[in-house]
Amino acid sequence: MLHIDSLLLEAFYEENKDFCINARVQKIQQPTRREVILQMRNNGESKKLYININPSFHHLCFMNKENEAKRNIQIPKQPPMFCMLLRKHMEGARILKINKPEFERIIELTFENYNEIGDRIEECLSIELMGKHSNIVLYNTDNNIILGCAHNIGEEKSKERELAGGLPYIYPPKQNKK
């Protein structure tokens, strides 16, 4: 397993951005609390984006049939709450853009969808691949308010930033490495 750093994530971004832009999210699954699978379709081609935020093996990739069989993924009969939230906000949505902030281990997928009354909304799925701080955060791009995240982080766990529904989304603090 490769260690995910900013350069490797940049290569993933460059290689897959053309497929992701204008792709539609067809299906969302959450096999475990640290894994999410987004099935996307674009130009007649379907791919499954596998996101793993395990502290030791955090990564993301597009799965093929062979890769999926090796992972032995078991989908629970009752989806977790975060999966249901993602389905509510993202199933059928179109990806407007994919972004990778420079020198960060973050991939952002910005979606266009429509709410219950038919208004167009934009929401962003931020995939943060940062070891024990890895997380998946869904937030509204209009007001940067978090709709939900895979792991809620309160002030007792982090003095730098809190992550929970209803709070503003802010980027992780910069590291003071030279």
N, C-alpha and C. Protein backbone atom coordinates (compact mmCIF):
# COMPACT_ATOMS: atom_id res chain seq x y z
N MET A 1 0.85 -1.18 0.00
CA MET A 1 0.00 0.00 0.00
C MET A 1 0.89 1.24 0.00
N LEU A 2 0.59 2.14 -0.90
CA LEU A 2 1.34 3.38 -0.98
C LEU A 2 0.85 4.37 0.05
N HIS A 3 1.77 5.14 0.57
CA HIS A 3 1.41 6.24 1.46
C HIS A 3 0.88 7.38 0.60
N ILE A 4 -0.30 7.88 0.91
CA ILE A 4 -0.90 8.96 0.12
C ILE A 4 -0.30 10.29 0.56
N ASP A 5 0.36 10.96 -0.36
CA ASP A 5 0.85 12.30 -0.09
C ASP A 5 0.25 13.24 -1.12
N SER A 6 0.58 14.50 -1.02
CA SER A 6 0.00 15.51 -1.90
C SER A 6 0.34 15.25 -3.37
N LEU A 7 1.54 14.78 -3.65
CA LEU A 7 1.95 14.54 -5.04
C LEU A 7 1.18 13.37 -5.65
N LEU A 8 1.00 12.30 -4.90
CA LEU A 8 0.24 11.15 -5.39
C LEU A 8 -1.23 11.53 -5.61
N LEU A 9 -1.77 12.31 -4.70
CA LEU A 9 -3.15 12.77 -4.84
C LEU A 9 -3.29 13.70 -6.04
N GLU A 10 -2.27 14.50 -6.30
CA GLU A 10 -2.26 15.38 -7.48
C GLU A 10 -2.30 14.54 -8.76
N ALA A 11 -1.55 13.44 -8.79
CA ALA A 11 -1.54 12.55 -9.95
C ALA A 11 -2.92 11.92 -10.14
N PHE A 12 -3.55 11.48 -9.05
CA PHE A 12 -4.91 10.92 -9.12
C PHE A 12 -5.87 11.97 -9.69
N TYR A 13 -5.76 13.18 -9.19
CA TYR A 13 -6.62 14.28 -9.64
C TYR A 13 -6.45 14.52 -11.14
N GLU A 14 -5.22 14.65 -11.59
CA GLU A 14 -4.96 14.93 -13.01
C GLU A 14 -5.45 13.80 -13.91
N GLU A 15 -5.28 12.57 -13.45
CA GLU A 15 -5.65 11.41 -14.25
C GLU A 15 -7.17 11.23 -14.36
N ASN A 16 -7.91 11.66 -13.35
CA ASN A 16 -9.34 11.35 -13.30
C ASN A 16 -10.28 12.54 -13.39
N LYS A 17 -9.75 13.76 -13.48
CA LYS A 17 -10.64 14.92 -13.47
C LYS A 17 -11.56 14.97 -14.69
N ASP A 18 -11.09 14.51 -15.84
CA ASP A 18 -11.94 14.54 -17.04
C ASP A 18 -13.16 13.63 -16.89
N PHE A 19 -12.96 12.46 -16.29
CA PHE A 19 -14.10 11.57 -16.08
C PHE A 19 -15.06 12.16 -15.04
N CYS A 20 -14.53 12.72 -13.99
CA CYS A 20 -15.37 13.18 -12.87
C CYS A 20 -16.26 14.37 -13.24
N ILE A 21 -15.73 15.31 -14.02
CA ILE A 21 -16.52 16.50 -14.34
C ILE A 21 -17.71 16.09 -15.21
N ASN A 22 -18.89 16.48 -14.79
CA ASN A 22 -20.18 16.18 -15.42
C ASN A 22 -20.66 14.75 -15.19
N ALA A 23 -19.95 13.97 -14.38
CA ALA A 23 -20.43 12.62 -14.05
C ALA A 23 -21.63 12.74 -13.11
N ARG A 24 -22.51 11.76 -13.19
CA ARG A 24 -23.67 11.70 -12.29
C ARG A 24 -23.42 10.61 -11.26
N VAL A 25 -23.81 10.90 -10.03
CA VAL A 25 -23.70 9.91 -8.96
C VAL A 25 -24.93 9.03 -9.03
N GLN A 26 -24.71 7.74 -9.28
CA GLN A 26 -25.83 6.81 -9.42
C GLN A 26 -26.17 6.10 -8.12
N LYS A 27 -25.14 5.75 -7.37
CA LYS A 27 -25.36 4.92 -6.19
C LYS A 27 -24.29 5.25 -5.15
N ILE A 28 -24.69 5.21 -3.89
CA ILE A 28 -23.76 5.47 -2.79
C ILE A 28 -23.89 4.34 -1.78
N GLN A 29 -22.75 3.78 -1.40
CA GLN A 29 -22.74 2.70 -0.41
C GLN A 29 -21.68 3.00 0.64
N GLN A 30 -21.92 2.49 1.84
CA GLN A 30 -20.95 2.65 2.93
C GLN A 30 -20.78 1.30 3.62
N PRO A 31 -19.81 0.50 3.14
CA PRO A 31 -19.61 -0.84 3.72
C PRO A 31 -19.24 -0.80 5.20
N THR A 32 -18.36 0.13 5.59
CA THR A 32 -17.98 0.30 6.99
C THR A 32 -17.98 1.79 7.29
N ARG A 33 -17.76 2.14 8.54
CA ARG A 33 -17.79 3.57 8.88
C ARG A 33 -16.61 4.34 8.31
N ARG A 34 -15.61 3.62 7.80
CA ARG A 34 -14.43 4.27 7.23
C ARG A 34 -14.33 4.11 5.71
N GLU A 35 -15.35 3.55 5.08
CA GLU A 35 -15.33 3.34 3.63
C GLU A 35 -16.61 3.88 3.00
N VAL A 36 -16.46 4.52 1.85
CA VAL A 36 -17.61 4.99 1.07
C VAL A 36 -17.33 4.66 -0.39
N ILE A 37 -18.37 4.21 -1.09
CA ILE A 37 -18.25 3.92 -2.52
C ILE A 37 -19.27 4.78 -3.26
N LEU A 38 -18.78 5.56 -4.22
CA LEU A 38 -19.64 6.37 -5.08
C LEU A 38 -19.62 5.77 -6.47
N GLN A 39 -20.76 5.30 -6.94
CA GLN A 39 -20.83 4.80 -8.31
C GLN A 39 -21.24 5.97 -9.20
N MET A 40 -20.38 6.26 -10.19
CA MET A 40 -20.60 7.41 -11.07
C MET A 40 -20.68 6.97 -12.52
N ARG A 41 -21.37 7.77 -13.31
CA ARG A 41 -21.52 7.47 -14.74
C ARG A 41 -21.29 8.75 -15.53
N ASN A 42 -20.49 8.62 -16.59
CA ASN A 42 -20.22 9.75 -17.47
C ASN A 42 -19.90 9.22 -18.87
N ASN A 43 -20.54 9.79 -19.87
CA ASN A 43 -20.32 9.41 -21.27
C ASN A 43 -20.43 7.90 -21.49
N GLY A 44 -21.45 7.28 -20.91
CA GLY A 44 -21.70 5.86 -21.10
C GLY A 44 -20.78 4.93 -20.33
N GLU A 45 -19.92 5.47 -19.50
CA GLU A 45 -18.98 4.67 -18.72
C GLU A 45 -19.29 4.80 -17.24
N SER A 46 -19.33 3.67 -16.53
CA SER A 46 -19.56 3.67 -15.09
C SER A 46 -18.28 3.31 -14.35
N LYS A 47 -18.05 4.00 -13.25
CA LYS A 47 -16.89 3.71 -12.40
C LYS A 47 -17.32 3.84 -10.95
N LYS A 48 -16.63 3.09 -10.09
CA LYS A 48 -16.88 3.17 -8.66
C LYS A 48 -15.68 3.81 -7.98
N LEU A 49 -15.92 4.95 -7.34
CA LEU A 49 -14.88 5.62 -6.57
C LEU A 49 -14.90 5.07 -5.15
N TYR A 50 -13.81 4.44 -4.77
CA TYR A 50 -13.68 3.85 -3.44
C TYR A 50 -12.88 4.81 -2.56
N ILE A 51 -13.48 5.22 -1.45
CA ILE A 51 -12.84 6.14 -0.51
C ILE A 51 -12.66 5.41 0.81
N ASN A 52 -11.43 5.37 1.29
CA ASN A 52 -11.13 4.71 2.56
C ASN A 52 -10.42 5.72 3.46
N ILE A 53 -10.99 5.98 4.63
CA ILE A 53 -10.37 6.94 5.55
C ILE A 53 -9.82 6.25 6.80
N ASN A 54 -9.45 4.99 6.64
CA ASN A 54 -8.79 4.27 7.72
C ASN A 54 -7.49 4.99 8.06
N PRO A 55 -7.20 5.25 9.34
CA PRO A 55 -5.99 5.99 9.69
C PRO A 55 -4.69 5.38 9.15
N SER A 56 -4.64 4.07 9.04
CA SER A 56 -3.42 3.41 8.57
C SER A 56 -3.36 3.26 7.06
N PHE A 57 -4.51 3.11 6.41
CA PHE A 57 -4.53 2.82 4.97
C PHE A 57 -5.43 3.77 4.20
N HIS A 58 -5.43 5.04 4.54
CA HIS A 58 -6.30 6.00 3.87
C HIS A 58 -5.90 6.11 2.39
N HIS A 59 -6.91 6.02 1.52
CA HIS A 59 -6.67 6.13 0.09
C HIS A 59 -7.99 6.26 -0.66
N LEU A 60 -7.89 6.58 -1.93
CA LEU A 60 -9.05 6.54 -2.80
C LEU A 60 -8.60 6.04 -4.16
N CYS A 61 -9.51 5.35 -4.84
CA CYS A 61 -9.19 4.79 -6.15
C CYS A 61 -10.48 4.46 -6.87
N PHE A 62 -10.38 4.28 -8.17
CA PHE A 62 -11.50 3.75 -8.92
C PHE A 62 -11.32 2.24 -8.96
N MET A 63 -12.37 1.51 -8.59
CA MET A 63 -12.29 0.05 -8.52
C MET A 63 -12.73 -0.58 -9.83
N ASN A 64 -12.01 -1.63 -10.23
CA ASN A 64 -12.50 -2.47 -11.32
C ASN A 64 -13.08 -3.74 -10.69
N LYS A 65 -13.64 -4.62 -11.49
CA LYS A 65 -14.30 -5.83 -10.95
C LYS A 65 -13.33 -6.69 -10.15
N GLU A 66 -12.12 -6.85 -10.66
CA GLU A 66 -11.12 -7.69 -9.98
C GLU A 66 -10.73 -7.08 -8.63
N ASN A 67 -10.50 -5.78 -8.62
CA ASN A 67 -10.14 -5.07 -7.40
C ASN A 67 -11.26 -5.18 -6.38
N GLU A 68 -12.49 -5.04 -6.84
CA GLU A 68 -13.64 -5.10 -5.94
C GLU A 68 -13.77 -6.50 -5.32
N ALA A 69 -13.53 -7.53 -6.12
CA ALA A 69 -13.61 -8.91 -5.62
C ALA A 69 -12.54 -9.17 -4.56
N LYS A 70 -11.34 -8.64 -4.76
CA LYS A 70 -10.25 -8.83 -3.79
C LYS A 70 -10.55 -8.15 -2.46
N ARG A 71 -11.26 -7.05 -2.50
CA ARG A 71 -11.56 -6.31 -1.27
C ARG A 71 -12.62 -7.01 -0.43
N ASN A 72 -13.39 -7.92 -1.05
CA ASN A 72 -14.43 -8.66 -0.34
C ASN A 72 -15.35 -7.71 0.44
N ILE A 73 -15.91 -6.76 -0.27
CA ILE A 73 -16.74 -5.73 0.34
C ILE A 73 -18.13 -6.28 0.65
N GLN A 74 -18.55 -6.11 1.89
CA GLN A 74 -19.87 -6.53 2.33
C GLN A 74 -20.70 -5.27 2.61
N ILE A 75 -21.79 -5.11 1.90
CA ILE A 75 -22.66 -3.95 2.09
C ILE A 75 -23.70 -4.28 3.15
N PRO A 76 -23.80 -3.48 4.21
CA PRO A 76 -24.79 -3.77 5.26
C PRO A 76 -26.23 -3.59 4.75
N LYS A 77 -27.14 -4.38 5.32
CA LYS A 77 -28.55 -4.28 4.91
C LYS A 77 -29.14 -2.93 5.30
N GLN A 78 -28.76 -2.43 6.47
CA GLN A 78 -29.23 -1.12 6.94
C GLN A 78 -28.08 -0.12 6.78
N PRO A 79 -28.21 0.85 5.87
CA PRO A 79 -27.11 1.80 5.67
C PRO A 79 -26.91 2.70 6.89
N PRO A 80 -25.65 3.06 7.17
CA PRO A 80 -25.38 3.99 8.28
C PRO A 80 -25.99 5.37 8.00
N MET A 81 -26.10 6.17 9.05
CA MET A 81 -26.71 7.51 8.93
C MET A 81 -25.96 8.39 7.93
N PHE A 82 -24.63 8.33 7.95
CA PHE A 82 -23.86 9.17 7.03
C PHE A 82 -24.13 8.78 5.58
N CYS A 83 -24.28 7.49 5.33
CA CYS A 83 -24.60 7.01 3.98
C CYS A 83 -25.97 7.53 3.55
N MET A 84 -26.94 7.50 4.44
CA MET A 84 -28.28 8.00 4.10
C MET A 84 -28.25 9.50 3.83
N LEU A 85 -27.43 10.23 4.57
CA LEU A 85 -27.27 11.67 4.33
C LEU A 85 -26.66 11.90 2.94
N LEU A 86 -25.61 11.15 2.61
CA LEU A 86 -24.99 11.29 1.29
C LEU A 86 -25.98 10.95 0.19
N ARG A 87 -26.76 9.91 0.38
CA ARG A 87 -27.76 9.53 -0.63
C ARG A 87 -28.79 10.64 -0.82
N LYS A 88 -29.24 11.21 0.28
CA LYS A 88 -30.25 12.27 0.20
C LYS A 88 -29.74 13.46 -0.60
N HIS A 89 -28.49 13.82 -0.39
CA HIS A 89 -27.95 15.03 -1.01
C HIS A 89 -27.23 14.80 -2.33
N MET A 90 -26.76 13.57 -2.58
CA MET A 90 -25.88 13.38 -3.74
C MET A 90 -26.38 12.42 -4.80
N GLU A 91 -27.27 11.49 -4.48
CA GLU A 91 -27.72 10.56 -5.52
C GLU A 91 -28.43 11.32 -6.63
N GLY A 92 -28.00 11.08 -7.84
CA GLY A 92 -28.56 11.76 -9.00
C GLY A 92 -27.90 13.11 -9.28
N ALA A 93 -27.03 13.55 -8.39
CA ALA A 93 -26.37 14.85 -8.56
C ALA A 93 -25.29 14.76 -9.64
N ARG A 94 -25.00 15.91 -10.22
CA ARG A 94 -23.96 16.01 -11.25
C ARG A 94 -22.74 16.70 -10.65
N ILE A 95 -21.57 16.16 -10.93
CA ILE A 95 -20.34 16.76 -10.43
C ILE A 95 -19.99 17.95 -11.32
N LEU A 96 -19.97 19.13 -10.73
CA LEU A 96 -19.63 20.35 -11.47
C LEU A 96 -18.13 20.50 -11.63
N LYS A 97 -17.41 20.22 -10.54
CA LYS A 97 -15.95 20.37 -10.60
C LYS A 97 -15.30 19.49 -9.55
N ILE A 98 -14.04 19.23 -9.80
CA ILE A 98 -13.21 18.51 -8.85
C ILE A 98 -12.02 19.42 -8.58
N ASN A 99 -11.64 19.51 -7.32
CA ASN A 99 -10.58 20.43 -6.93
C ASN A 99 -9.62 19.73 -5.99
N LYS A 100 -8.35 20.07 -6.12
CA LYS A 100 -7.35 19.60 -5.18
C LYS A 100 -6.54 20.80 -4.74
N PRO A 101 -6.78 21.30 -3.52
CA PRO A 101 -6.01 22.44 -3.04
C PRO A 101 -4.51 22.13 -3.06
N GLU A 102 -3.73 23.11 -3.47
CA GLU A 102 -2.29 22.91 -3.62
C GLU A 102 -1.63 22.52 -2.30
N PHE A 103 -0.79 21.50 -2.37
CA PHE A 103 -0.02 20.98 -1.23
C PHE A 103 -0.88 20.42 -0.10
N GLU A 104 -2.12 20.07 -0.40
CA GLU A 104 -3.01 19.48 0.60
C GLU A 104 -3.36 18.06 0.19
N ARG A 105 -3.69 17.24 1.17
CA ARG A 105 -4.15 15.88 0.90
C ARG A 105 -5.68 15.85 0.95
N ILE A 106 -6.26 16.71 0.12
CA ILE A 106 -7.71 16.88 0.07
C ILE A 106 -8.16 16.86 -1.38
N ILE A 107 -9.25 16.14 -1.64
CA ILE A 107 -9.92 16.19 -2.94
C ILE A 107 -11.34 16.68 -2.66
N GLU A 108 -11.79 17.65 -3.43
CA GLU A 108 -13.13 18.19 -3.26
C GLU A 108 -13.95 17.94 -4.52
N LEU A 109 -15.12 17.35 -4.34
CA LEU A 109 -16.06 17.14 -5.44
C LEU A 109 -17.24 18.07 -5.20
N THR A 110 -17.46 19.02 -6.12
CA THR A 110 -18.58 19.95 -5.99
C THR A 110 -19.73 19.44 -6.86
N PHE A 111 -20.90 19.28 -6.24
CA PHE A 111 -22.07 18.70 -6.88
C PHE A 111 -23.14 19.75 -7.12
N GLU A 112 -23.91 19.52 -8.17
CA GLU A 112 -25.10 20.32 -8.44
C GLU A 112 -26.29 19.38 -8.30
N ASN A 113 -27.26 19.81 -7.51
CA ASN A 113 -28.47 19.03 -7.34
C ASN A 113 -29.62 19.98 -7.08
N TYR A 114 -30.79 19.45 -6.83
CA TYR A 114 -31.97 20.25 -6.57
C TYR A 114 -32.58 19.82 -5.25
N ASN A 115 -33.01 20.80 -4.45
CA ASN A 115 -33.60 20.47 -3.16
C ASN A 115 -35.07 20.07 -3.33
N GLU A 116 -35.76 19.89 -2.21
CA GLU A 116 -37.14 19.40 -2.22
C GLU A 116 -38.10 20.32 -2.97
N ILE A 117 -37.81 21.62 -2.98
CA ILE A 117 -38.73 22.55 -3.65
C ILE A 117 -38.25 22.93 -5.05
N GLY A 118 -37.21 22.26 -5.52
CA GLY A 118 -36.76 22.45 -6.90
C GLY A 118 -35.70 23.51 -7.11
N ASP A 119 -35.17 24.09 -6.03
CA ASP A 119 -34.11 25.08 -6.17
C ASP A 119 -32.77 24.38 -6.41
N ARG A 120 -31.97 24.97 -7.30
CA ARG A 120 -30.64 24.44 -7.59
C ARG A 120 -29.72 24.72 -6.40
N ILE A 121 -29.00 23.70 -5.97
CA ILE A 121 -28.06 23.87 -4.86
C ILE A 121 -26.71 23.27 -5.24
N GLU A 122 -25.66 23.80 -4.64
CA GLU A 122 -24.31 23.26 -4.81
C GLU A 122 -23.80 22.82 -3.45
N GLU A 123 -23.29 21.60 -3.43
CA GLU A 123 -22.71 21.06 -2.21
C GLU A 123 -21.37 20.43 -2.55
N CYS A 124 -20.52 20.34 -1.56
CA CYS A 124 -19.17 19.84 -1.79
C CYS A 124 -18.89 18.67 -0.86
N LEU A 125 -18.30 17.62 -1.43
CA LEU A 125 -17.82 16.49 -0.64
C LEU A 125 -16.31 16.64 -0.56
N SER A 126 -15.82 16.91 0.63
CA SER A 126 -14.39 17.10 0.85
C SER A 126 -13.82 15.81 1.42
N ILE A 127 -12.88 15.21 0.70
CA ILE A 127 -12.25 13.96 1.12
C ILE A 127 -10.86 14.32 1.64
N GLU A 128 -10.70 14.23 2.94
CA GLU A 128 -9.45 14.61 3.60
C GLU A 128 -8.68 13.35 3.96
N LEU A 129 -7.56 13.12 3.30
CA LEU A 129 -6.76 11.90 3.51
C LEU A 129 -5.51 12.27 4.30
N MET A 130 -5.66 12.34 5.62
CA MET A 130 -4.57 12.84 6.47
C MET A 130 -4.33 11.94 7.67
N GLY A 131 -4.08 10.66 7.43
CA GLY A 131 -3.77 9.74 8.52
C GLY A 131 -4.90 9.64 9.52
N LYS A 132 -4.56 9.81 10.80
CA LYS A 132 -5.60 9.67 11.84
C LYS A 132 -6.63 10.80 11.79
N HIS A 133 -6.35 11.85 11.03
CA HIS A 133 -7.29 12.96 10.89
C HIS A 133 -8.12 12.86 9.60
N SER A 134 -8.05 11.72 8.91
CA SER A 134 -8.81 11.53 7.67
C SER A 134 -10.30 11.65 7.95
N ASN A 135 -11.02 12.24 6.99
CA ASN A 135 -12.45 12.43 7.17
C ASN A 135 -13.10 12.68 5.81
N ILE A 136 -14.40 12.53 5.76
CA ILE A 136 -15.20 12.86 4.59
C ILE A 136 -16.25 13.84 5.09
N VAL A 137 -16.29 15.03 4.48
CA VAL A 137 -17.17 16.09 4.96
C VAL A 137 -18.05 16.57 3.81
N LEU A 138 -19.35 16.62 4.04
CA LEU A 138 -20.30 17.17 3.07
C LEU A 138 -20.74 18.53 3.59
N TYR A 139 -20.56 19.57 2.76
CA TYR A 139 -20.97 20.90 3.19
C TYR A 139 -21.61 21.68 2.05
N ASN A 140 -22.41 22.67 2.41
CA ASN A 140 -23.08 23.54 1.45
C ASN A 140 -22.10 24.61 1.01
N THR A 141 -21.94 24.80 -0.29
CA THR A 141 -20.94 25.77 -0.78
C THR A 141 -21.42 27.21 -0.65
N ASP A 142 -22.71 27.44 -0.52
CA ASP A 142 -23.22 28.82 -0.40
C ASP A 142 -22.82 29.45 0.93
N ASN A 143 -22.94 28.67 2.01
CA ASN A 143 -22.67 29.24 3.33
C ASN A 143 -21.57 28.50 4.10
N ASN A 144 -20.96 27.49 3.47
CA ASN A 144 -19.89 26.68 4.08
C ASN A 144 -20.31 25.99 5.37
N ILE A 145 -21.59 25.70 5.50
CA ILE A 145 -22.08 24.99 6.69
C ILE A 145 -22.02 23.48 6.43
N ILE A 146 -21.46 22.76 7.38
CA ILE A 146 -21.33 21.31 7.27
C ILE A 146 -22.70 20.66 7.41
N LEU A 147 -23.01 19.78 6.46
CA LEU A 147 -24.26 19.01 6.52
C LEU A 147 -24.04 17.70 7.28
N GLY A 148 -22.84 17.17 7.18
CA GLY A 148 -22.50 15.94 7.89
C GLY A 148 -21.08 15.52 7.58
N CYS A 149 -20.54 14.67 8.43
CA CYS A 149 -19.19 14.15 8.19
C CYS A 149 -19.10 12.73 8.73
N ALA A 150 -18.15 11.99 8.18
CA ALA A 150 -17.98 10.60 8.59
C ALA A 150 -17.61 10.50 10.07
N HIS A 151 -16.78 11.42 10.53
CA HIS A 151 -16.37 11.45 11.94
C HIS A 151 -16.56 12.86 12.48
N ASN A 152 -17.46 13.00 13.44
CA ASN A 152 -17.60 14.29 14.10
C ASN A 152 -16.41 14.50 15.02
N ILE A 153 -15.89 15.72 15.02
CA ILE A 153 -14.73 16.05 15.85
C ILE A 153 -15.11 17.24 16.71
N GLY A 154 -15.15 17.02 18.01
CA GLY A 154 -15.50 18.08 18.95
C GLY A 154 -14.27 18.79 19.47
N GLU A 155 -14.50 19.80 20.28
CA GLU A 155 -13.38 20.58 20.81
C GLU A 155 -12.50 19.77 21.75
N GLU A 156 -13.04 18.70 22.34
CA GLU A 156 -12.22 17.87 23.22
C GLU A 156 -11.19 17.06 22.43
N LYS A 157 -11.45 16.81 21.14
CA LYS A 157 -10.50 16.07 20.31
C LYS A 157 -9.54 16.97 19.55
N SER A 158 -9.98 18.17 19.23
CA SER A 158 -9.13 19.07 18.44
C SER A 158 -9.35 20.52 18.86
N LYS A 159 -8.25 21.17 19.19
CA LYS A 159 -8.33 22.59 19.52
C LYS A 159 -8.32 23.44 18.25
N GLU A 160 -7.87 22.85 17.13
CA GLU A 160 -7.71 23.57 15.88
C GLU A 160 -9.03 23.82 15.16
N ARG A 161 -9.85 22.75 15.03
CA ARG A 161 -11.13 22.90 14.34
C ARG A 161 -12.09 21.79 14.73
N GLU A 162 -13.35 22.15 14.76
CA GLU A 162 -14.41 21.19 15.05
C GLU A 162 -15.10 20.83 13.74
N LEU A 163 -15.52 19.58 13.63
CA LEU A 163 -16.26 19.13 12.46
C LEU A 163 -17.53 18.42 12.94
N ALA A 164 -18.66 19.02 12.63
CA ALA A 164 -19.96 18.42 12.95
C ALA A 164 -21.02 19.17 12.16
N GLY A 165 -22.14 18.52 11.96
CA GLY A 165 -23.24 19.15 11.24
C GLY A 165 -23.64 20.48 11.87
N GLY A 166 -23.87 21.49 11.03
CA GLY A 166 -24.29 22.80 11.51
C GLY A 166 -23.16 23.77 11.77
N LEU A 167 -21.92 23.29 11.81
CA LEU A 167 -20.76 24.17 12.03
C LEU A 167 -20.19 24.61 10.69
N PRO A 168 -19.48 25.73 10.66
CA PRO A 168 -18.85 26.15 9.40
C PRO A 168 -17.67 25.24 9.06
N TYR A 169 -17.53 24.96 7.76
CA TYR A 169 -16.40 24.14 7.31
C TYR A 169 -15.19 25.04 7.07
N ILE A 170 -14.09 24.67 7.68
CA ILE A 170 -12.83 25.37 7.44
C ILE A 170 -11.78 24.31 7.10
N TYR A 171 -10.81 24.72 6.30
CA TYR A 171 -9.74 23.79 5.93
C TYR A 171 -8.91 23.42 7.16
N PRO A 172 -8.27 22.26 7.10
CA PRO A 172 -7.36 21.90 8.19
C PRO A 172 -6.25 22.94 8.30
N PRO A 173 -5.74 23.16 9.50
CA PRO A 173 -4.67 24.16 9.65
C PRO A 173 -3.41 23.73 8.90
N LYS A 174 -2.69 24.71 8.40
CA LYS A 174 -1.42 24.43 7.70
C LYS A 174 -0.41 23.91 8.70
N GLN A 175 0.43 23.00 8.22
CA GLN A 175 1.51 22.51 9.05
C GLN A 175 2.70 23.45 8.93
N ASN A 176 3.39 23.65 10.00
CA ASN A 176 4.54 24.56 9.98
C ASN A 176 5.82 23.79 9.69
N LYS A 177 5.79 23.01 8.62
CA LYS A 177 6.98 22.25 8.23
C LYS A 177 7.79 23.06 7.23
N LYS A 178 9.09 22.90 7.30
CA LYS A 178 9.96 23.61 6.37
C LYS A 178 10.69 22.63 5.50
